[in-house]
Amino acid sequence: MTVQNPFADKELAGGHLALDFANTAGVHGDEPQSEWLAGYPDLAWWGVRAGAIDQAEAPALLARAEEDAGEAASVFARAITLREALYRVFSPVCHGECPAEYDLALINGELARALPHLRVVVEGSDFRWAWEGDGLDRVLWPVVRAAAELLTSGELARIGECEGDNCEWLYLDTSRNRSRRWCVMSDCGNRAKARRHYHRTRAGADG
């Protein structure tokens, strides 16, 4: 039986794997709002949707998570800790501020777990990077590597944070003049336009 990915229709607006992972919550903190991830199965299916793992890998990971609920819960807790650290690093960076050393240490800790699984493999006449291993934290390996690459890429000036109310989604601004302001124009952007129109209309009526 084919299982439908619950994230199949979710829009990934970050333009980068690490930012898309940070965006699995709409507002961060002790009680995240617009939470996408309720447990390990959500983490695995999000990984498929974002391209962190292949769809063919998901059934085995989900079966192992069901067999070892304690390990799955531990990996899921690490995932949420990593996600919040990513937000607390990239959000200050996009505002020209320096993130806390503690959060960078959290990212480096996950990076140290991930990199031993990275290999160079041959594919036909070409070589490529590949991940070796089937740990339940397999989903996190590409995410934390992508975060490290973005932090050292020279592209930090292109990271932005949505200006919408109650939205803390991050994105990589690839527009030519770096004019992007919203996570998704059809969502936060349209709501902002509607608010501006309302205030203009109200001001005209009052005037």
N, C-alpha and C. Protein backbone atom coordinates (compact mmCIF):
# COMPACT_ATOMS: atom_id res chain seq x y z
N MET A 1 0.84 -1.20 0.00
CA MET A 1 0.00 0.00 0.00
C MET A 1 0.88 1.25 0.00
N THR A 2 0.59 2.17 -0.89
CA THR A 2 1.34 3.41 -0.97
C THR A 2 0.81 4.40 0.07
N VAL A 3 1.71 4.94 0.86
CA VAL A 3 1.33 5.91 1.90
C VAL A 3 1.54 7.32 1.36
N GLN A 4 0.54 8.14 1.48
CA GLN A 4 0.62 9.51 1.01
C GLN A 4 1.47 10.35 1.97
N ASN A 5 2.44 11.05 1.42
CA ASN A 5 3.27 11.93 2.24
C ASN A 5 2.42 13.11 2.72
N PRO A 6 2.28 13.30 4.03
CA PRO A 6 1.44 14.41 4.53
C PRO A 6 2.00 15.78 4.18
N PHE A 7 3.25 15.83 3.72
CA PHE A 7 3.84 17.11 3.36
C PHE A 7 3.89 17.32 1.84
N ALA A 8 3.24 16.45 1.10
CA ALA A 8 3.32 16.52 -0.36
C ALA A 8 2.87 17.87 -0.90
N ASP A 9 1.88 18.47 -0.26
CA ASP A 9 1.34 19.75 -0.75
C ASP A 9 1.87 20.96 0.02
N LYS A 10 2.79 20.72 0.95
CA LYS A 10 3.35 21.83 1.72
C LYS A 10 4.35 22.61 0.85
N GLU A 11 4.27 23.93 0.92
CA GLU A 11 5.20 24.76 0.15
C GLU A 11 6.47 24.99 0.96
N LEU A 12 7.60 24.73 0.32
CA LEU A 12 8.91 24.99 0.93
C LEU A 12 9.43 26.30 0.35
N ALA A 13 9.40 27.33 1.16
CA ALA A 13 9.67 28.68 0.66
C ALA A 13 11.09 29.14 0.95
N GLY A 14 11.87 28.36 1.69
CA GLY A 14 13.19 28.83 2.11
C GLY A 14 14.22 28.90 1.01
N GLY A 15 14.07 28.05 0.00
CA GLY A 15 15.05 28.04 -1.08
C GLY A 15 16.37 27.39 -0.69
N HIS A 16 16.39 26.74 0.46
CA HIS A 16 17.61 26.10 0.95
C HIS A 16 17.19 25.09 2.01
N LEU A 17 17.83 23.91 2.00
CA LEU A 17 17.42 22.83 2.87
C LEU A 17 17.44 23.23 4.34
N ALA A 18 18.50 23.88 4.80
CA ALA A 18 18.60 24.25 6.22
C ALA A 18 17.53 25.26 6.60
N LEU A 19 17.23 26.21 5.72
CA LEU A 19 16.21 27.21 6.01
C LEU A 19 14.82 26.57 5.97
N ASP A 20 14.60 25.65 5.05
CA ASP A 20 13.32 24.96 5.01
C ASP A 20 13.09 24.16 6.29
N PHE A 21 14.16 23.60 6.85
CA PHE A 21 14.00 22.86 8.11
C PHE A 21 13.65 23.83 9.24
N ALA A 22 14.32 24.97 9.29
CA ALA A 22 13.97 25.98 10.30
C ALA A 22 12.51 26.40 10.15
N ASN A 23 12.01 26.38 8.93
CA ASN A 23 10.65 26.84 8.66
C ASN A 23 9.57 25.80 8.98
N THR A 24 9.95 24.69 9.59
CA THR A 24 8.92 23.72 9.99
C THR A 24 8.14 24.22 11.22
N ALA A 25 8.49 25.38 11.72
CA ALA A 25 7.67 26.11 12.68
C ALA A 25 7.50 27.53 12.14
N GLY A 26 6.31 28.09 12.34
CA GLY A 26 6.08 29.44 11.84
C GLY A 26 6.61 30.50 12.78
N VAL A 27 6.50 30.24 14.07
CA VAL A 27 7.03 31.13 15.11
C VAL A 27 7.75 30.24 16.11
N HIS A 28 8.96 30.64 16.47
CA HIS A 28 9.81 29.81 17.32
C HIS A 28 9.73 30.23 18.78
N GLY A 29 10.34 29.41 19.63
CA GLY A 29 10.35 29.70 21.06
C GLY A 29 9.97 28.47 21.86
N ASP A 30 9.63 28.68 23.12
CA ASP A 30 9.29 27.57 23.99
C ASP A 30 8.04 26.82 23.52
N GLU A 31 7.12 27.53 22.92
CA GLU A 31 5.90 26.92 22.39
C GLU A 31 5.73 27.35 20.93
N PRO A 32 6.42 26.66 20.01
CA PRO A 32 6.36 27.05 18.59
C PRO A 32 4.93 27.06 18.06
N GLN A 33 4.66 28.01 17.18
CA GLN A 33 3.36 28.10 16.54
C GLN A 33 3.47 27.63 15.09
N SER A 34 2.34 27.21 14.54
CA SER A 34 2.31 26.66 13.17
C SER A 34 3.33 25.54 13.03
N GLU A 35 3.30 24.63 13.98
CA GLU A 35 4.24 23.52 14.05
C GLU A 35 3.89 22.45 13.01
N TRP A 36 4.89 22.04 12.24
CA TRP A 36 4.70 20.99 11.25
C TRP A 36 5.03 19.60 11.81
N LEU A 37 5.91 19.54 12.79
CA LEU A 37 6.47 18.26 13.22
C LEU A 37 5.92 17.86 14.59
N ALA A 38 5.19 16.75 14.62
CA ALA A 38 4.62 16.26 15.88
C ALA A 38 5.33 15.02 16.39
N GLY A 39 6.19 14.43 15.60
CA GLY A 39 6.90 13.23 16.01
C GLY A 39 7.82 12.75 14.92
N TYR A 40 8.48 11.62 15.16
CA TYR A 40 9.47 11.13 14.18
C TYR A 40 8.88 10.88 12.80
N PRO A 41 7.69 10.28 12.68
CA PRO A 41 7.15 10.08 11.33
C PRO A 41 7.06 11.37 10.51
N ASP A 42 6.65 12.47 11.16
CA ASP A 42 6.61 13.75 10.45
C ASP A 42 8.01 14.16 10.01
N LEU A 43 9.00 13.94 10.86
CA LEU A 43 10.38 14.29 10.50
C LEU A 43 10.82 13.52 9.26
N ALA A 44 10.53 12.22 9.23
CA ALA A 44 10.93 11.40 8.09
C ALA A 44 10.22 11.84 6.81
N TRP A 45 8.91 12.07 6.90
CA TRP A 45 8.17 12.47 5.70
C TRP A 45 8.56 13.87 5.23
N TRP A 46 8.86 14.76 6.19
CA TRP A 46 9.37 16.07 5.77
C TRP A 46 10.70 15.89 5.04
N GLY A 47 11.55 14.98 5.53
CA GLY A 47 12.83 14.73 4.87
C GLY A 47 12.66 14.30 3.43
N VAL A 48 11.63 13.48 3.17
CA VAL A 48 11.34 13.08 1.79
C VAL A 48 10.92 14.29 0.97
N ARG A 49 10.00 15.09 1.52
CA ARG A 49 9.48 16.25 0.79
C ARG A 49 10.59 17.25 0.47
N ALA A 50 11.51 17.44 1.40
CA ALA A 50 12.57 18.44 1.21
C ALA A 50 13.76 17.89 0.45
N GLY A 51 13.81 16.59 0.23
CA GLY A 51 14.93 16.00 -0.50
C GLY A 51 16.10 15.63 0.38
N ALA A 52 15.89 15.61 1.70
CA ALA A 52 16.97 15.21 2.60
C ALA A 52 17.22 13.70 2.53
N ILE A 53 16.15 12.94 2.28
CA ILE A 53 16.26 11.50 2.08
C ILE A 53 15.41 11.12 0.88
N ASP A 54 15.70 9.96 0.30
CA ASP A 54 14.90 9.45 -0.81
C ASP A 54 13.62 8.81 -0.27
N GLN A 55 12.58 8.85 -1.07
CA GLN A 55 11.32 8.25 -0.64
C GLN A 55 11.50 6.76 -0.35
N ALA A 56 12.41 6.11 -1.06
CA ALA A 56 12.62 4.68 -0.85
C ALA A 56 13.19 4.39 0.54
N GLU A 57 13.82 5.38 1.16
CA GLU A 57 14.40 5.18 2.49
C GLU A 57 13.37 5.30 3.61
N ALA A 58 12.28 5.99 3.35
CA ALA A 58 11.32 6.31 4.41
C ALA A 58 10.70 5.07 5.07
N PRO A 59 10.22 4.07 4.31
CA PRO A 59 9.56 2.94 4.98
C PRO A 59 10.45 2.24 6.01
N ALA A 60 11.73 2.04 5.68
CA ALA A 60 12.63 1.37 6.62
C ALA A 60 12.85 2.21 7.87
N LEU A 61 13.01 3.52 7.69
CA LEU A 61 13.19 4.40 8.84
C LEU A 61 11.95 4.42 9.72
N LEU A 62 10.79 4.47 9.10
CA LEU A 62 9.55 4.50 9.87
C LEU A 62 9.33 3.18 10.61
N ALA A 63 9.70 2.07 9.98
CA ALA A 63 9.56 0.77 10.65
C ALA A 63 10.50 0.68 11.84
N ARG A 64 11.73 1.15 11.68
CA ARG A 64 12.69 1.12 12.78
C ARG A 64 12.24 2.04 13.91
N ALA A 65 11.67 3.19 13.55
CA ALA A 65 11.18 4.12 14.57
C ALA A 65 10.05 3.50 15.38
N GLU A 66 9.21 2.71 14.72
CA GLU A 66 8.11 2.05 15.42
C GLU A 66 8.64 0.95 16.34
N GLU A 67 9.71 0.28 15.91
CA GLU A 67 10.29 -0.78 16.72
C GLU A 67 11.04 -0.24 17.93
N ASP A 68 11.66 0.90 17.75
CA ASP A 68 12.47 1.49 18.83
C ASP A 68 11.97 2.90 19.11
N ALA A 69 10.85 2.96 19.81
CA ALA A 69 10.21 4.25 20.07
C ALA A 69 11.10 5.17 20.89
N GLY A 70 11.91 4.61 21.79
CA GLY A 70 12.78 5.44 22.61
C GLY A 70 13.83 6.15 21.78
N GLU A 71 14.46 5.42 20.86
CA GLU A 71 15.47 6.04 19.99
C GLU A 71 14.82 7.06 19.07
N ALA A 72 13.64 6.74 18.56
CA ALA A 72 12.94 7.68 17.68
C ALA A 72 12.62 8.98 18.42
N ALA A 73 12.19 8.86 19.67
CA ALA A 73 11.89 10.05 20.46
C ALA A 73 13.15 10.87 20.71
N SER A 74 14.27 10.18 20.95
CA SER A 74 15.53 10.88 21.19
C SER A 74 15.99 11.63 19.95
N VAL A 75 15.89 10.98 18.80
CA VAL A 75 16.28 11.64 17.54
C VAL A 75 15.36 12.80 17.25
N PHE A 76 14.07 12.62 17.50
CA PHE A 76 13.13 13.71 17.25
C PHE A 76 13.43 14.92 18.13
N ALA A 77 13.76 14.66 19.40
CA ALA A 77 14.12 15.76 20.31
C ALA A 77 15.37 16.48 19.80
N ARG A 78 16.35 15.72 19.30
CA ARG A 78 17.54 16.35 18.72
C ARG A 78 17.18 17.19 17.51
N ALA A 79 16.24 16.69 16.71
CA ALA A 79 15.83 17.42 15.51
C ALA A 79 15.23 18.77 15.87
N ILE A 80 14.36 18.79 16.86
CA ILE A 80 13.74 20.06 17.26
C ILE A 80 14.78 21.00 17.85
N THR A 81 15.71 20.45 18.64
CA THR A 81 16.80 21.28 19.20
C THR A 81 17.63 21.87 18.08
N LEU A 82 17.95 21.06 17.07
CA LEU A 82 18.71 21.56 15.92
C LEU A 82 17.92 22.62 15.17
N ARG A 83 16.65 22.37 14.95
CA ARG A 83 15.83 23.35 14.22
C ARG A 83 15.82 24.71 14.91
N GLU A 84 15.63 24.70 16.22
CA GLU A 84 15.59 25.96 16.95
C GLU A 84 16.95 26.65 16.93
N ALA A 85 18.03 25.86 17.00
CA ALA A 85 19.37 26.44 16.93
C ALA A 85 19.60 27.06 15.55
N LEU A 86 19.14 26.39 14.50
CA LEU A 86 19.29 26.95 13.15
C LEU A 86 18.57 28.28 13.04
N TYR A 87 17.35 28.35 13.58
CA TYR A 87 16.64 29.62 13.52
C TYR A 87 17.38 30.70 14.30
N ARG A 88 17.85 30.34 15.50
CA ARG A 88 18.52 31.34 16.34
C ARG A 88 19.89 31.73 15.80
N VAL A 89 20.44 30.99 14.87
CA VAL A 89 21.68 31.39 14.20
C VAL A 89 21.38 32.22 12.95
N PHE A 90 20.50 31.72 12.09
CA PHE A 90 20.27 32.40 10.82
C PHE A 90 19.44 33.67 10.95
N SER A 91 18.54 33.74 11.93
CA SER A 91 17.75 34.96 12.10
C SER A 91 18.62 36.15 12.49
N PRO A 92 19.48 36.06 13.50
CA PRO A 92 20.37 37.18 13.79
C PRO A 92 21.30 37.52 12.62
N VAL A 93 21.79 36.49 11.95
CA VAL A 93 22.71 36.72 10.83
C VAL A 93 22.05 37.58 9.76
N CYS A 94 20.78 37.29 9.45
CA CYS A 94 20.15 38.06 8.37
C CYS A 94 19.83 39.48 8.79
N HIS A 95 19.92 39.78 10.09
CA HIS A 95 19.72 41.14 10.59
C HIS A 95 21.05 41.80 10.95
N GLY A 96 22.15 41.18 10.54
CA GLY A 96 23.46 41.75 10.77
C GLY A 96 23.96 41.59 12.19
N GLU A 97 23.41 40.63 12.92
CA GLU A 97 23.81 40.42 14.30
C GLU A 97 24.56 39.09 14.44
N CYS A 98 25.24 38.93 15.55
CA CYS A 98 26.03 37.73 15.78
C CYS A 98 25.23 36.74 16.63
N PRO A 99 25.10 35.49 16.19
CA PRO A 99 24.35 34.51 17.00
C PRO A 99 25.13 34.07 18.22
N ALA A 100 24.45 33.44 19.13
CA ALA A 100 25.08 32.96 20.36
C ALA A 100 26.02 31.79 20.07
N GLU A 101 27.14 31.75 20.77
CA GLU A 101 28.08 30.65 20.60
C GLU A 101 27.44 29.31 20.94
N TYR A 102 26.53 29.32 21.89
CA TYR A 102 25.86 28.08 22.29
C TYR A 102 25.12 27.45 21.12
N ASP A 103 24.43 28.26 20.33
CA ASP A 103 23.68 27.72 19.21
C ASP A 103 24.60 27.21 18.11
N LEU A 104 25.69 27.91 17.87
CA LEU A 104 26.66 27.43 16.89
C LEU A 104 27.28 26.12 17.37
N ALA A 105 27.49 25.99 18.67
CA ALA A 105 28.03 24.75 19.22
C ALA A 105 27.06 23.59 19.02
N LEU A 106 25.75 23.85 19.13
CA LEU A 106 24.76 22.81 18.89
C LEU A 106 24.83 22.32 17.44
N ILE A 107 24.96 23.27 16.52
CA ILE A 107 25.07 22.90 15.10
C ILE A 107 26.34 22.11 14.87
N ASN A 108 27.44 22.55 15.45
CA ASN A 108 28.70 21.83 15.27
C ASN A 108 28.64 20.43 15.88
N GLY A 109 27.89 20.28 16.96
CA GLY A 109 27.74 18.96 17.56
C GLY A 109 27.03 18.00 16.62
N GLU A 110 25.97 18.46 15.98
CA GLU A 110 25.27 17.61 15.02
C GLU A 110 26.12 17.39 13.77
N LEU A 111 26.91 18.39 13.40
CA LEU A 111 27.80 18.23 12.24
C LEU A 111 28.83 17.14 12.51
N ALA A 112 29.34 17.10 13.72
CA ALA A 112 30.32 16.07 14.08
C ALA A 112 29.70 14.67 14.03
N ARG A 113 28.42 14.56 14.31
CA ARG A 113 27.73 13.26 14.21
C ARG A 113 27.51 12.88 12.75
N ALA A 114 27.27 13.88 11.91
CA ALA A 114 26.88 13.60 10.52
C ALA A 114 28.06 13.28 9.61
N LEU A 115 29.13 14.06 9.70
CA LEU A 115 30.20 13.97 8.71
C LEU A 115 30.88 12.61 8.62
N PRO A 116 30.99 11.82 9.70
CA PRO A 116 31.58 10.48 9.53
C PRO A 116 30.80 9.58 8.58
N HIS A 117 29.57 9.95 8.26
CA HIS A 117 28.75 9.14 7.35
C HIS A 117 28.86 9.61 5.90
N LEU A 118 29.64 10.64 5.64
CA LEU A 118 29.74 11.20 4.29
C LEU A 118 30.83 10.50 3.50
N ARG A 119 30.51 10.11 2.28
CA ARG A 119 31.43 9.37 1.44
C ARG A 119 31.46 9.96 0.04
N VAL A 120 32.56 9.72 -0.67
CA VAL A 120 32.63 9.97 -2.10
C VAL A 120 32.41 8.63 -2.79
N VAL A 121 31.43 8.58 -3.69
CA VAL A 121 31.13 7.34 -4.39
C VAL A 121 31.21 7.58 -5.89
N VAL A 122 31.40 6.50 -6.61
CA VAL A 122 31.47 6.59 -8.07
C VAL A 122 30.13 6.19 -8.65
N GLU A 123 29.71 6.93 -9.65
CA GLU A 123 28.43 6.67 -10.32
C GLU A 123 28.68 6.78 -11.81
N GLY A 124 28.82 5.65 -12.46
CA GLY A 124 29.20 5.67 -13.87
C GLY A 124 30.62 6.16 -14.01
N SER A 125 30.80 7.23 -14.74
CA SER A 125 32.13 7.83 -14.89
C SER A 125 32.30 9.06 -14.00
N ASP A 126 31.35 9.31 -13.12
CA ASP A 126 31.38 10.49 -12.27
C ASP A 126 31.51 10.11 -10.79
N PHE A 127 31.86 11.10 -10.00
CA PHE A 127 31.93 10.94 -8.55
C PHE A 127 30.93 11.89 -7.91
N ARG A 128 30.40 11.49 -6.78
CA ARG A 128 29.46 12.35 -6.08
C ARG A 128 29.52 12.05 -4.59
N TRP A 129 28.98 13.00 -3.81
CA TRP A 129 28.85 12.79 -2.38
C TRP A 129 27.66 11.88 -2.11
N ALA A 130 27.77 11.06 -1.07
CA ALA A 130 26.67 10.20 -0.66
C ALA A 130 26.76 9.96 0.84
N TRP A 131 25.62 9.64 1.43
CA TRP A 131 25.57 9.34 2.86
C TRP A 131 25.54 7.84 3.05
N GLU A 132 26.30 7.34 4.00
CA GLU A 132 26.35 5.91 4.29
C GLU A 132 25.86 5.68 5.71
N GLY A 133 24.84 4.86 5.84
CA GLY A 133 24.29 4.58 7.17
C GLY A 133 22.79 4.68 7.15
N ASP A 134 22.17 4.00 8.09
CA ASP A 134 20.71 3.99 8.14
C ASP A 134 20.18 4.35 9.52
N GLY A 135 20.93 5.15 10.27
CA GLY A 135 20.48 5.59 11.58
C GLY A 135 19.22 6.42 11.47
N LEU A 136 18.44 6.43 12.53
CA LEU A 136 17.22 7.22 12.51
C LEU A 136 17.50 8.72 12.35
N ASP A 137 18.71 9.14 12.70
CA ASP A 137 19.08 10.55 12.51
C ASP A 137 19.57 10.83 11.10
N ARG A 138 19.41 9.86 10.21
CA ARG A 138 19.81 10.02 8.81
C ARG A 138 19.21 11.28 8.18
N VAL A 139 18.01 11.63 8.59
CA VAL A 139 17.34 12.82 8.04
C VAL A 139 18.11 14.09 8.36
N LEU A 140 18.77 14.12 9.51
CA LEU A 140 19.43 15.34 9.96
C LEU A 140 20.77 15.59 9.29
N TRP A 141 21.41 14.53 8.78
CA TRP A 141 22.76 14.68 8.25
C TRP A 141 22.83 15.71 7.10
N PRO A 142 21.99 15.58 6.06
CA PRO A 142 22.06 16.57 4.98
C PRO A 142 21.67 17.98 5.44
N VAL A 143 20.78 18.05 6.43
CA VAL A 143 20.32 19.36 6.91
C VAL A 143 21.47 20.12 7.55
N VAL A 144 22.18 19.46 8.46
CA VAL A 144 23.24 20.16 9.19
C VAL A 144 24.43 20.44 8.28
N ARG A 145 24.70 19.55 7.32
CA ARG A 145 25.76 19.84 6.36
C ARG A 145 25.39 21.05 5.51
N ALA A 146 24.13 21.12 5.06
CA ALA A 146 23.68 22.27 4.28
C ALA A 146 23.78 23.55 5.08
N ALA A 147 23.47 23.49 6.38
CA ALA A 147 23.58 24.68 7.23
C ALA A 147 25.02 25.15 7.30
N ALA A 148 25.94 24.22 7.50
CA ALA A 148 27.36 24.58 7.59
C ALA A 148 27.84 25.19 6.27
N GLU A 149 27.40 24.62 5.16
CA GLU A 149 27.82 25.15 3.86
C GLU A 149 27.27 26.55 3.63
N LEU A 150 26.03 26.78 4.05
CA LEU A 150 25.45 28.12 3.88
C LEU A 150 26.18 29.14 4.75
N LEU A 151 26.50 28.77 5.97
CA LEU A 151 27.19 29.69 6.86
C LEU A 151 28.57 30.08 6.35
N THR A 152 29.18 29.23 5.55
CA THR A 152 30.53 29.49 5.05
C THR A 152 30.55 29.82 3.57
N SER A 153 29.38 30.11 3.00
CA SER A 153 29.27 30.25 1.54
C SER A 153 29.51 31.65 1.01
N GLY A 154 29.46 32.65 1.88
CA GLY A 154 29.51 34.02 1.39
C GLY A 154 28.15 34.52 0.93
N GLU A 155 27.09 33.74 1.16
CA GLU A 155 25.74 34.11 0.73
C GLU A 155 24.88 34.61 1.88
N LEU A 156 25.48 34.90 3.03
CA LEU A 156 24.68 35.27 4.19
C LEU A 156 23.86 36.53 3.97
N ALA A 157 24.36 37.44 3.12
CA ALA A 157 23.62 38.68 2.87
C ALA A 157 22.32 38.41 2.12
N ARG A 158 22.18 37.25 1.56
CA ARG A 158 20.96 36.90 0.82
C ARG A 158 19.89 36.25 1.70
N ILE A 159 20.21 36.00 2.96
CA ILE A 159 19.23 35.40 3.85
C ILE A 159 18.30 36.48 4.38
N GLY A 160 17.02 36.23 4.30
CA GLY A 160 16.03 37.18 4.80
C GLY A 160 15.03 36.49 5.71
N GLU A 161 14.25 37.29 6.42
CA GLU A 161 13.20 36.78 7.29
C GLU A 161 11.89 37.47 6.93
N CYS A 162 10.84 36.67 6.80
CA CYS A 162 9.55 37.19 6.36
C CYS A 162 9.12 38.37 7.25
N GLU A 163 8.58 39.41 6.60
CA GLU A 163 8.11 40.58 7.32
C GLU A 163 6.64 40.47 7.72
N GLY A 164 6.03 39.32 7.44
CA GLY A 164 4.63 39.14 7.80
C GLY A 164 4.42 39.04 9.30
N ASP A 165 3.24 39.41 9.74
CA ASP A 165 2.90 39.29 11.16
C ASP A 165 2.86 37.81 11.54
N ASN A 166 3.43 37.50 12.70
CA ASN A 166 3.40 36.13 13.22
C ASN A 166 3.99 35.13 12.23
N CYS A 167 5.03 35.53 11.54
CA CYS A 167 5.73 34.62 10.63
C CYS A 167 7.23 34.87 10.76
N GLU A 168 7.96 33.81 11.07
CA GLU A 168 9.40 33.92 11.20
C GLU A 168 10.13 33.04 10.20
N TRP A 169 9.47 32.78 9.08
CA TRP A 169 10.10 31.95 8.06
C TRP A 169 11.31 32.68 7.47
N LEU A 170 12.34 31.90 7.22
CA LEU A 170 13.57 32.40 6.62
C LEU A 170 13.61 32.00 5.15
N TYR A 171 14.36 32.73 4.36
CA TYR A 171 14.46 32.40 2.94
C TYR A 171 15.80 32.90 2.39
N LEU A 172 16.21 32.29 1.30
CA LEU A 172 17.40 32.74 0.57
C LEU A 172 16.90 33.58 -0.59
N ASP A 173 17.20 34.87 -0.55
CA ASP A 173 16.70 35.81 -1.55
C ASP A 173 17.57 35.73 -2.81
N THR A 174 17.02 35.14 -3.85
CA THR A 174 17.75 35.02 -5.11
C THR A 174 17.29 36.03 -6.15
N SER A 175 16.45 36.98 -5.73
CA SER A 175 16.01 38.02 -6.67
C SER A 175 17.19 38.89 -7.06
N ARG A 176 17.12 39.46 -8.25
CA ARG A 176 18.26 40.21 -8.79
C ARG A 176 18.62 41.40 -7.91
N ASN A 177 17.63 42.11 -7.41
CA ASN A 177 17.90 43.31 -6.60
C ASN A 177 17.67 43.06 -5.11
N ARG A 178 17.56 41.79 -4.73
CA ARG A 178 17.39 41.42 -3.32
C ARG A 178 16.21 42.17 -2.69
N SER A 179 15.08 42.11 -3.37
CA SER A 179 13.90 42.88 -2.94
C SER A 179 12.85 42.01 -2.25
N ARG A 180 13.13 40.75 -2.05
CA ARG A 180 12.13 39.86 -1.46
C ARG A 180 11.86 40.25 -0.01
N ARG A 181 10.59 40.25 0.38
CA ARG A 181 10.20 40.63 1.74
C ARG A 181 9.35 39.58 2.43
N TRP A 182 8.80 38.66 1.66
CA TRP A 182 7.83 37.73 2.22
C TRP A 182 8.28 36.29 1.99
N CYS A 183 7.80 35.40 2.87
CA CYS A 183 8.09 33.98 2.66
C CYS A 183 7.39 33.51 1.39
N VAL A 184 6.08 33.79 1.31
CA VAL A 184 5.28 33.42 0.14
C VAL A 184 4.39 34.61 -0.19
N MET A 185 4.51 35.12 -1.40
CA MET A 185 3.76 36.30 -1.79
C MET A 185 2.25 36.06 -1.70
N SER A 186 1.82 34.84 -2.05
CA SER A 186 0.39 34.55 -2.04
C SER A 186 -0.17 34.39 -0.63
N ASP A 187 0.71 34.35 0.36
CA ASP A 187 0.26 34.19 1.75
C ASP A 187 0.54 35.48 2.51
N CYS A 188 1.71 35.59 3.11
CA CYS A 188 2.03 36.78 3.91
C CYS A 188 2.04 38.04 3.05
N GLY A 189 2.52 37.94 1.83
CA GLY A 189 2.57 39.12 0.96
C GLY A 189 1.20 39.67 0.67
N ASN A 190 0.25 38.80 0.34
CA ASN A 190 -1.11 39.25 0.04
C ASN A 190 -1.81 39.81 1.26
N ARG A 191 -1.55 39.21 2.44
CA ARG A 191 -2.15 39.75 3.65
C ARG A 191 -1.64 41.15 3.94
N ALA A 192 -0.33 41.37 3.70
CA ALA A 192 0.23 42.71 3.90
C ALA A 192 -0.37 43.70 2.91
N LYS A 193 -0.55 43.28 1.67
CA LYS A 193 -1.16 44.16 0.67
C LYS A 193 -2.60 44.50 1.07
N ALA A 194 -3.31 43.50 1.58
CA ALA A 194 -4.70 43.74 2.00
C ALA A 194 -4.76 44.72 3.16
N ARG A 195 -3.80 44.60 4.10
CA ARG A 195 -3.77 45.53 5.23
C ARG A 195 -3.48 46.95 4.75
N ARG A 196 -2.52 47.08 3.84
CA ARG A 196 -2.20 48.43 3.32
C ARG A 196 -3.40 49.02 2.60
N HIS A 197 -4.09 48.20 1.82
CA HIS A 197 -5.27 48.69 1.10
C HIS A 197 -6.35 49.12 2.09
N TYR A 198 -6.53 48.35 3.13
CA TYR A 198 -7.54 48.69 4.13
C TYR A 198 -7.22 50.03 4.79
N HIS A 199 -5.95 50.22 5.17
CA HIS A 199 -5.57 51.46 5.85
C HIS A 199 -5.67 52.66 4.92
N ARG A 200 -5.31 52.46 3.64
CA ARG A 200 -5.45 53.56 2.68
C ARG A 200 -6.93 53.93 2.49
N THR A 201 -7.76 52.90 2.37
CA THR A 201 -9.19 53.16 2.18
C THR A 201 -9.78 53.82 3.42
N ARG A 202 -9.36 53.35 4.59
CA ARG A 202 -9.86 53.92 5.84
C ARG A 202 -9.41 55.38 5.98
N ALA A 203 -8.13 55.63 5.61
CA ALA A 203 -7.62 57.00 5.72
C ALA A 203 -8.35 57.92 4.76
N GLY A 204 -8.67 57.41 3.55
CA GLY A 204 -9.40 58.24 2.60
C GLY A 204 -10.81 58.54 3.09
N ALA A 205 -11.44 57.56 3.70
CA ALA A 205 -12.80 57.77 4.23
C ALA A 205 -12.79 58.76 5.38
N ASP A 206 -11.78 58.64 6.23
CA ASP A 206 -11.70 59.55 7.39
C ASP A 206 -11.35 60.96 6.93
N GLY A 207 -10.57 61.04 5.81
CA GLY A 207 -10.16 62.36 5.36
C GLY A 207 -11.27 63.08 4.65
